[in-house]
Amino acid sequence: MTERWTVLKVLRWTTDYLNEKGIDSPRLDAELLIGDALNKDRVGLYLCYDQPLQAEELAQIRQLVARRAKREPLQYILGHTEFWSLPFAVKPGVLIPRGDTEILVEEALRLLQGHADGARILDVGTGSGAIAVALAHSCPTLQVEAVDLQPEALDQAQANAVRNGVEQRVHFRQQDMAVLTGGPYQLVVSNPPYIREDEMAGLMPEVREHEPAVALHAGHDGLDCYRLLCRQALALLQPAGWLVVEVGAGQAETVAQLMQQHGLQNTFCRNDYNDIARVVGGQAPVTTGVAGEE
């Protein structure tokens, strides 16, 4: 007699299996993977616990679970994630948006309060377009330019702008972070690579083995991209404009010093919800001028 596999039985088995493989959230991942295979959300899954599964459904679930067991990121398997309560498509080769980066969006919006009408914003290293799209979606009067060096990232970002209805106000272009142009901007925002060379080996397998290294690694001390941004800040910003960046743990003070060395004022740090300094900002003086290089 063939064994009868219901939704609940498969869910329990998958949860145990993913737990054995070291997955941090095995139950949630199991629900999302099975739901994806059955085209049901989590509530819909609960409502059909006793439903027996067909052979083709089981085969599809096994395929998805096998990928997750090999530590492929859940977001790549599903093909989407959520950021700023908005849907974003994600695929291999493009960095997955993180919840911590919402702090960066919050700070950018705070700095734009009362000044957002017609403001020009530059998002450097846009990746999936999460920051640019979130800002444009939150402020209907913003004009956002977003740059990235990787064509696959720009394609994904453009698709996400369309998906969230802001494609008319977010303009993407391929550009190297080392030679940024197009100012003056009221605000330049970036979540650049900031992982140190000696940290790469210790990253979670999902990150180390699957996400693009070019979007993670930034030299021996993790500060290469901040140096590039700070050197160009005054040439990019309008008077009293802001440079606001996400930073890694332990980098905030050094990045603030870099900003000050290159002529930015009123530097500040903002902690994330784990009380780690996550965002650093600096303001151009009322009269801007290109500061000397480091």
Protein backbone atom coordinates (compact mmCIF):
# COMPACT_ATOMS: atom_id res chain seq x y z
CA MET A 1 0.00 0.00 0.00
CA THR A 2 1.38 3.40 -0.98
CA GLU A 3 2.18 5.71 1.95
CA ARG A 4 -0.24 8.63 2.20
CA TRP A 5 1.49 12.02 2.42
CA THR A 6 -0.70 14.88 3.59
CA VAL A 7 0.30 18.54 3.69
CA LEU A 8 0.80 18.34 7.46
CA LYS A 9 2.93 15.20 7.24
CA VAL A 10 5.16 16.72 4.57
CA LEU A 11 5.41 19.93 6.56
CA ARG A 12 6.58 18.09 9.67
CA TRP A 13 9.07 15.98 7.73
CA THR A 14 10.46 19.00 5.89
CA THR A 15 10.82 20.99 9.11
CA ASP A 16 12.80 18.18 10.75
CA TYR A 17 14.95 17.69 7.66
CA LEU A 18 15.84 21.37 7.32
CA ASN A 19 16.58 21.55 11.03
CA GLU A 20 19.06 18.68 10.64
CA LYS A 21 20.71 20.61 7.79
CA GLY A 22 21.34 23.62 10.03
CA ILE A 23 18.67 25.95 8.65
CA ASP A 24 17.93 28.73 11.16
CA SER A 25 14.17 28.89 10.60
CA PRO A 26 13.20 25.38 9.46
CA ARG A 27 9.45 25.63 10.12
CA LEU A 28 9.02 28.95 8.35
CA ASP A 29 11.16 27.85 5.42
CA ALA A 30 9.22 24.60 5.15
CA GLU A 31 5.91 26.48 5.08
CA LEU A 32 7.09 28.88 2.40
CA LEU A 33 8.62 26.19 0.20
CA ILE A 34 5.59 23.91 0.38
CA GLY A 35 3.29 26.88 -0.10
CA ASP A 36 5.23 27.89 -3.20
CA ALA A 37 4.93 24.40 -4.67
CA LEU A 38 1.19 24.30 -3.97
CA ASN A 39 0.55 27.95 -4.86
CA LYS A 40 -0.80 28.71 -1.38
CA ASP A 41 0.09 31.30 1.24
CA ARG A 42 0.73 30.23 4.83
CA VAL A 43 -2.91 30.62 5.87
CA GLY A 44 -4.03 28.60 2.87
CA LEU A 45 -1.56 25.91 3.85
CA TYR A 46 -3.04 25.65 7.35
CA LEU A 47 -6.50 25.21 5.88
CA CYS A 48 -5.51 22.13 3.88
CA TYR A 49 -3.36 20.21 6.39
CA ASP A 50 -5.29 16.98 5.76
CA GLN A 51 -5.11 17.24 1.97
CA PRO A 52 -3.24 14.32 0.39
CA LEU A 53 -0.55 15.33 -2.06
CA GLN A 54 -0.18 14.07 -5.60
CA ALA A 55 3.05 12.53 -6.85
CA GLU A 56 3.92 15.55 -8.99
CA GLU A 57 3.34 17.88 -6.02
CA LEU A 58 5.63 15.79 -3.84
CA ALA A 59 8.29 15.79 -6.54
CA GLN A 60 8.19 19.58 -6.80
CA ILE A 61 8.40 19.97 -3.02
CA ARG A 62 11.37 17.59 -2.85
CA GLN A 63 13.18 19.62 -5.51
CA LEU A 64 12.70 22.90 -3.62
CA VAL A 65 13.63 21.39 -0.26
CA ALA A 66 16.78 19.82 -1.70
CA ARG A 67 17.93 23.25 -2.89
CA ARG A 68 17.33 24.80 0.52
CA ALA A 69 19.11 21.91 2.26
CA LYS A 70 22.19 22.80 0.20
CA ARG A 71 21.95 26.28 1.77
CA GLU A 72 20.71 28.09 -1.31
CA PRO A 73 18.99 31.24 -0.05
CA LEU A 74 15.25 30.89 0.37
CA GLN A 75 14.71 34.15 -1.52
CA TYR A 76 16.52 32.83 -4.60
CA ILE A 77 14.48 29.64 -4.53
CA LEU A 78 11.18 31.50 -4.26
CA GLY A 79 12.33 34.23 -6.64
CA HIS A 80 11.05 37.06 -4.48
CA THR A 81 11.29 38.79 -1.11
CA GLU A 82 9.76 41.74 0.72
CA PHE A 83 11.46 45.06 1.52
CA TRP A 84 9.80 48.18 2.92
CA SER A 85 6.52 46.19 2.73
CA LEU A 86 6.96 46.06 -1.05
CA PRO A 87 7.46 42.98 -3.27
CA PHE A 88 10.85 42.54 -4.93
CA ALA A 89 11.96 39.91 -7.41
CA VAL A 90 15.40 38.50 -6.66
CA LYS A 91 17.59 36.06 -8.52
CA PRO A 92 21.14 34.68 -8.26
CA GLY A 93 23.74 37.29 -9.11
CA VAL A 94 21.91 40.10 -7.32
CA LEU A 95 22.23 40.82 -3.59
CA ILE A 96 19.15 39.98 -1.52
CA PRO A 97 17.68 43.05 0.26
CA ARG A 98 18.05 42.92 4.05
CA GLY A 99 15.71 44.24 6.69
CA ASP A 100 18.55 46.23 8.29
CA THR A 101 18.71 48.36 5.16
CA GLU A 102 15.24 49.73 5.91
CA ILE A 103 16.98 51.85 8.59
CA LEU A 104 18.89 53.52 5.75
CA VAL A 105 15.63 54.29 3.93
CA GLU A 106 14.15 55.71 7.14
CA GLU A 107 17.10 58.05 7.61
CA ALA A 108 17.02 59.19 3.99
CA LEU A 109 13.33 60.04 4.30
CA ARG A 110 13.93 61.86 7.58
CA LEU A 111 16.59 64.05 5.97
CA LEU A 112 14.28 64.80 3.05
CA GLN A 113 11.37 65.96 5.21
CA GLY A 114 10.22 69.34 4.01
CA HIS A 115 12.63 69.24 1.06
CA ALA A 116 11.37 66.33 -1.03
CA ASP A 117 9.45 68.23 -3.73
CA GLY A 118 11.41 67.74 -6.93
CA ALA A 119 14.49 66.58 -5.04
CA ARG A 120 17.08 64.58 -6.98
CA ILE A 121 18.45 61.50 -5.26
CA LEU A 122 21.30 59.19 -6.27
CA ASP A 123 21.37 55.55 -5.13
CA VAL A 124 24.87 54.12 -5.60
CA GLY A 125 25.17 50.34 -6.05
CA THR A 126 21.44 49.86 -6.40
CA GLY A 127 21.49 46.05 -6.75
CA SER A 128 17.86 44.89 -6.76
CA GLY A 129 16.72 48.51 -6.67
CA ALA A 130 15.32 48.13 -3.14
CA ILE A 131 16.46 51.51 -1.78
CA ALA A 132 15.64 53.50 -4.91
CA VAL A 133 12.20 51.93 -5.31
CA ALA A 134 11.36 52.29 -1.60
CA LEU A 135 12.28 55.99 -1.64
CA ALA A 136 10.33 56.70 -4.82
CA HIS A 137 7.32 54.78 -3.53
CA SER A 138 7.37 56.72 -0.24
CA CYS A 139 7.81 60.18 -1.83
CA PRO A 140 5.82 60.69 -5.04
CA THR A 141 7.68 63.93 -5.82
CA LEU A 142 11.20 62.46 -5.74
CA GLN A 143 13.30 61.92 -8.83
CA VAL A 144 15.67 59.03 -8.17
CA GLU A 145 18.71 58.02 -10.19
CA ALA A 146 20.23 54.64 -9.43
CA VAL A 147 23.55 53.25 -10.64
CA ASP A 148 25.23 49.87 -10.60
CA LEU A 149 28.13 48.34 -12.49
CA GLN A 150 26.47 44.94 -13.02
CA PRO A 151 24.01 44.67 -15.96
CA GLU A 152 22.10 41.81 -14.31
CA ALA A 153 21.48 43.97 -11.24
CA LEU A 154 20.20 46.85 -13.37
CA ASP A 155 17.82 44.53 -15.24
CA GLN A 156 16.45 43.23 -11.93
CA ALA A 157 16.17 46.74 -10.49
CA GLN A 158 14.26 48.01 -13.53
CA ALA A 159 11.84 45.09 -13.26
CA ASN A 160 11.27 45.88 -9.59
CA ALA A 161 10.60 49.53 -10.35
CA VAL A 162 7.94 48.45 -12.85
CA ARG A 163 6.54 45.92 -10.39
CA ASN A 164 6.04 48.67 -7.80
CA GLY A 165 4.77 51.33 -10.20
CA VAL A 166 7.66 53.81 -9.91
CA GLU A 167 9.43 53.24 -13.23
CA GLN A 168 8.65 56.79 -14.38
CA ARG A 169 10.55 58.32 -11.44
CA VAL A 170 13.48 55.93 -10.99
CA HIS A 171 16.11 56.03 -13.72
CA PHE A 172 18.80 53.36 -13.86
CA ARG A 173 22.18 53.52 -15.53
CA GLN A 174 25.38 51.50 -15.59
CA GLN A 175 28.17 53.37 -13.84
CA ASP A 176 31.29 52.60 -11.84
CA MET A 177 31.26 53.83 -8.25
CA ALA A 178 34.75 55.23 -8.82
CA VAL A 179 33.55 57.75 -11.45
CA LEU A 180 30.13 58.97 -10.38
CA THR A 181 28.54 61.82 -12.33
CA GLY A 182 25.23 63.60 -12.72
CA GLY A 183 25.00 65.92 -9.71
CA PRO A 184 24.17 68.02 -7.93
CA TYR A 185 21.97 65.83 -5.76
CA GLN A 186 20.10 66.67 -2.60
CA LEU A 187 20.93 63.25 -1.22
CA VAL A 188 23.31 60.44 -2.16
CA VAL A 189 22.46 57.13 -0.55
CA SER A 190 24.32 53.82 -0.69
CA ASN A 191 24.48 50.38 0.82
CA PRO A 192 27.90 49.51 -0.59
CA PRO A 193 29.97 46.35 -0.14
CA TYR A 194 31.61 46.49 3.30
CA ILE A 195 32.77 42.98 4.25
CA ARG A 196 36.46 42.71 5.15
CA GLU A 197 38.66 40.24 3.30
CA ASP A 198 39.21 38.17 6.46
CA GLU A 199 35.45 38.01 7.16
CA MET A 200 34.42 36.36 3.90
CA ALA A 201 35.24 32.80 4.97
CA GLY A 202 33.12 33.14 8.11
CA LEU A 203 29.92 34.22 6.38
CA MET A 204 26.87 31.97 6.37
CA PRO A 205 26.92 29.47 3.46
CA GLU A 206 23.84 31.15 1.98
CA VAL A 207 25.82 34.36 1.65
CA ARG A 208 29.35 33.08 1.01
CA GLU A 209 28.46 30.48 -1.60
CA HIS A 210 25.48 32.03 -3.36
CA GLU A 211 25.35 35.82 -3.20
CA PRO A 212 27.63 37.86 -5.48
CA ALA A 213 31.02 38.52 -3.88
CA VAL A 214 31.29 41.81 -5.76
CA ALA A 215 28.31 43.08 -3.73
CA LEU A 216 29.85 41.97 -0.43
CA HIS A 217 33.62 42.32 -0.38
CA ALA A 218 35.32 45.73 -0.18
CA GLY A 219 39.05 45.24 0.31
CA HIS A 220 41.18 44.18 3.24
CA ASP A 221 39.42 46.49 5.72
CA GLY A 222 35.96 46.68 4.11
CA LEU A 223 36.25 50.44 3.59
CA ASP A 224 37.20 50.74 -0.09
CA CYS A 225 33.74 51.85 -1.25
CA TYR A 226 33.38 54.42 1.52
CA ARG A 227 36.67 55.99 0.44
CA LEU A 228 35.38 56.29 -3.12
CA LEU A 229 32.06 57.78 -2.02
CA CYS A 230 33.59 60.28 0.41
CA ARG A 231 36.15 61.50 -2.13
CA GLN A 232 33.39 62.33 -4.60
CA ALA A 233 30.75 63.54 -2.16
CA LEU A 234 31.23 67.30 -2.45
CA ALA A 235 31.32 67.10 -6.25
CA LEU A 236 28.02 65.20 -6.25
CA LEU A 237 26.05 67.04 -3.56
CA GLN A 238 24.31 70.36 -3.75
CA PRO A 239 25.02 72.79 -0.89
CA ALA A 240 23.70 71.31 2.38
CA GLY A 241 23.04 67.97 0.63
CA TRP A 242 23.57 64.68 2.44
CA LEU A 243 25.59 61.51 1.92
CA VAL A 244 23.98 58.64 3.85
CA VAL A 245 25.39 55.10 3.87
CA GLU A 246 24.86 51.74 5.51
CA VAL A 247 27.90 50.42 7.38
CA GLY A 248 29.01 47.12 8.86
CA ALA A 249 29.41 46.44 12.57
CA GLY A 250 32.29 48.44 14.01
CA GLN A 251 32.74 50.68 10.95
CA ALA A 252 30.59 53.70 11.85
CA GLU A 253 33.22 55.82 13.59
CA THR A 254 35.80 55.28 10.85
CA VAL A 255 33.31 56.10 8.09
CA ALA A 256 32.23 59.27 9.92
CA GLN A 257 35.89 60.29 10.11
CA LEU A 258 36.29 59.68 6.36
CA MET A 259 33.33 61.94 5.70
CA GLN A 260 34.80 64.68 7.87
CA GLN A 261 38.21 64.36 6.20
CA HIS A 262 36.56 65.02 2.84
CA GLY A 263 34.67 68.10 3.92
CA LEU A 264 31.32 66.77 5.13
CA GLN A 265 29.82 68.21 8.30
CA ASN A 266 27.20 67.35 10.92
CA THR A 267 28.02 63.64 10.77
CA PHE A 268 25.73 61.29 12.66
CA CYS A 269 25.24 57.56 13.30
CA ARG A 270 21.98 55.65 13.62
CA ASN A 271 21.70 52.25 15.29
CA ASP A 272 19.65 49.37 13.93
CA TYR A 273 17.14 47.41 16.00
CA ASN A 274 19.95 45.23 17.37
CA ASP A 275 21.63 48.39 18.71
CA ILE A 276 24.46 48.16 16.15
CA ALA A 277 25.55 51.40 14.47
CA ARG A 278 24.19 50.80 10.96
CA VAL A 279 23.81 54.16 9.18
CA VAL A 280 26.24 57.07 8.92
CA GLY A 281 25.46 60.42 7.35
CA GLY A 282 27.32 63.63 6.59
CA GLN A 283 26.22 66.98 5.16
CA ALA A 284 27.87 69.15 2.55
CA PRO A 285 28.57 72.73 3.67
CA VAL A 286 26.38 75.54 2.40
CA THR A 287 29.13 76.39 -0.10
CA THR A 288 30.56 73.20 -1.57
CA GLY A 289 34.01 72.60 -2.96
CA VAL A 290 35.93 69.45 -3.80
CA ALA A 291 38.00 68.41 -0.80
CA GLY A 292 41.55 67.16 -1.18
CA GLU A 293 42.03 63.46 -1.56
CA GLU A 294 43.10 61.23 1.26
